[in-house]
Amino acid sequence: MDSKLNKTDIRSLSLEDLKKRFLELGEKAFRANQVYEWLWKKSAFSFDEMSNLSKPLREKLNELFVINAVKAV
């Protein structure tokens, strides 16, 4: 079974939703801003690229989320 099926596409979350998820994970809300910037301004394709996040946080994000490519509609 593909583990991606159980993961949330992090790009599908609004900044406010992302902040809520980070708080639920016991992280500071500003981390959501950092991730959001990586996703939408720096076009990150993996959590490993997010060098201003701790390695344990990047690993946690990798377990819970997937970064799907942006598709033009």
C-alpha atoms as a PDB file:
ATOM      1  CA  MET A   1       0.000   0.000   0.000  1.00  0.00           C
ATOM      2  CA  ASP A   2       1.278   3.458  -0.893  1.00  0.00           C
ATOM      3  CA  SER A   3       2.021   5.464   2.260  1.00  0.00           C
ATOM      4  CA  LYS A   4       1.161   8.677   0.390  1.00  0.00           C
ATOM      5  CA  LEU A   5      -2.507   7.681   0.534  1.00  0.00           C
ATOM      6  CA  ASN A   6      -2.555   8.344   4.281  1.00  0.00           C
ATOM      7  CA  LYS A   7      -0.791  11.690   4.036  1.00  0.00           C
ATOM      8  CA  THR A   8      -2.364  15.124   3.630  1.00  0.00           C
ATOM      9  CA  ASP A   9      -1.259  17.245   0.695  1.00  0.00           C
ATOM     10  CA  ILE A  10       0.275  20.134   2.616  1.00  0.00           C
ATOM     11  CA  ARG A  11      -0.307  22.507  -0.309  1.00  0.00           C
ATOM     12  CA  SER A  12      -4.061  21.956   0.090  1.00  0.00           C
ATOM     13  CA  LEU A  13      -4.001  23.669   3.504  1.00  0.00           C
ATOM     14  CA  SER A  14      -4.510  27.392   3.932  1.00  0.00           C
ATOM     15  CA  LEU A  15      -2.027  29.284   6.067  1.00  0.00           C
ATOM     16  CA  GLU A  16      -4.577  29.360   8.906  1.00  0.00           C
ATOM     17  CA  ASP A  17      -5.157  25.596   8.640  1.00  0.00           C
ATOM     18  CA  LEU A  18      -1.422  25.056   8.614  1.00  0.00           C
ATOM     19  CA  LYS A  19      -1.039  27.145  11.781  1.00  0.00           C
ATOM     20  CA  LYS A  20      -3.721  25.056  13.503  1.00  0.00           C
ATOM     21  CA  ARG A  21      -1.992  21.817  12.488  1.00  0.00           C
ATOM     22  CA  PHE A  22       1.348  23.068  13.793  1.00  0.00           C
ATOM     23  CA  LEU A  23      -0.203  24.022  17.119  1.00  0.00           C
ATOM     24  CA  GLU A  24      -1.804  20.554  17.329  1.00  0.00           C
ATOM     25  CA  LEU A  25       1.669  19.075  16.792  1.00  0.00           C
ATOM     26  CA  GLY A  26       3.031  21.149  19.686  1.00  0.00           C
ATOM     27  CA  GLU A  27       4.953  23.480  17.383  1.00  0.00           C
ATOM     28  CA  LYS A  28       4.948  27.278  17.327  1.00  0.00           C
ATOM     29  CA  ALA A  29       2.534  28.903  14.857  1.00  0.00           C
ATOM     30  CA  PHE A  30       5.351  30.826  13.130  1.00  0.00           C
ATOM     31  CA  ARG A  31       6.652  27.490  11.810  1.00  0.00           C
ATOM     32  CA  ALA A  32       3.580  27.412   9.560  1.00  0.00           C
ATOM     33  CA  ASN A  33       4.682  30.719   8.032  1.00  0.00           C
ATOM     34  CA  GLN A  34       8.123  29.265   7.341  1.00  0.00           C
ATOM     35  CA  VAL A  35       6.711  26.167   5.663  1.00  0.00           C
ATOM     36  CA  TYR A  36       4.179  28.216   3.706  1.00  0.00           C
ATOM     37  CA  GLU A  37       6.982  30.405   2.363  1.00  0.00           C
ATOM     38  CA  TRP A  38       8.983  27.346   1.332  1.00  0.00           C
ATOM     39  CA  LEU A  39       5.967  25.899  -0.470  1.00  0.00           C
ATOM     40  CA  TRP A  40       4.705  28.988  -2.265  1.00  0.00           C
ATOM     41  CA  LYS A  41       7.629  31.431  -2.572  1.00  0.00           C
ATOM     42  CA  LYS A  42      10.603  29.092  -2.826  1.00  0.00           C
ATOM     43  CA  SER A  43       8.753  26.218  -4.573  1.00  0.00           C
ATOM     44  CA  ALA A  44      10.169  23.497  -2.344  1.00  0.00           C
ATOM     45  CA  PHE A  45       9.548  19.942  -3.515  1.00  0.00           C
ATOM     46  CA  SER A  46      10.590  18.219  -0.288  1.00  0.00           C
ATOM     47  CA  PHE A  47      10.748  18.954   3.419  1.00  0.00           C
ATOM     48  CA  ASP A  48      14.498  18.255   3.352  1.00  0.00           C
ATOM     49  CA  GLU A  49      14.970  21.531   1.452  1.00  0.00           C
ATOM     50  CA  MET A  50      13.505  23.496   4.370  1.00  0.00           C
ATOM     51  CA  SER A  51      16.841  24.228   6.004  1.00  0.00           C
ATOM     52  CA  ASN A  52      15.477  26.634   8.628  1.00  0.00           C
ATOM     53  CA  LEU A  53      13.423  23.809  10.200  1.00  0.00           C
ATOM     54  CA  SER A  54      14.937  21.308  12.599  1.00  0.00           C
ATOM     55  CA  LYS A  55      15.618  17.831  11.283  1.00  0.00           C
ATOM     56  CA  PRO A  56      13.121  16.248  13.732  1.00  0.00           C
ATOM     57  CA  LEU A  57      10.404  18.644  12.529  1.00  0.00           C
ATOM     58  CA  ARG A  58      11.201  17.898   8.885  1.00  0.00           C
ATOM     59  CA  GLU A  59      10.957  14.170   9.646  1.00  0.00           C
ATOM     60  CA  LYS A  60       7.605  14.681  11.400  1.00  0.00           C
ATOM     61  CA  LEU A  61       6.293  16.660   8.423  1.00  0.00           C
ATOM     62  CA  ASN A  62       7.487  13.919   6.081  1.00  0.00           C
ATOM     63  CA  GLU A  63       5.502  11.347   8.078  1.00  0.00           C
ATOM     64  CA  LEU A  64       2.265  13.363   8.044  1.00  0.00           C
ATOM     65  CA  PHE A  65       2.265  15.272   4.762  1.00  0.00           C
ATOM     66  CA  VAL A  66       3.108  15.009   1.110  1.00  0.00           C
ATOM     67  CA  ILE A  67       4.072  17.893  -1.182  1.00  0.00           C
ATOM     68  CA  ASN A  68       2.185  17.399  -4.428  1.00  0.00           C
ATOM     69  CA  ALA A  69       3.187  19.328  -7.503  1.00  0.00           C
ATOM     70  CA  VAL A  70       1.174  22.408  -8.360  1.00  0.00           C
ATOM     71  CA  LYS A  71      -1.106  21.888 -11.366  1.00  0.00           C
ATOM     72  CA  ALA A  72      -2.372  24.655 -13.622  1.00  0.00           C
ATOM     73  CA  VAL A  73      -6.145  24.648 -13.816  1.00  0.00           C
END
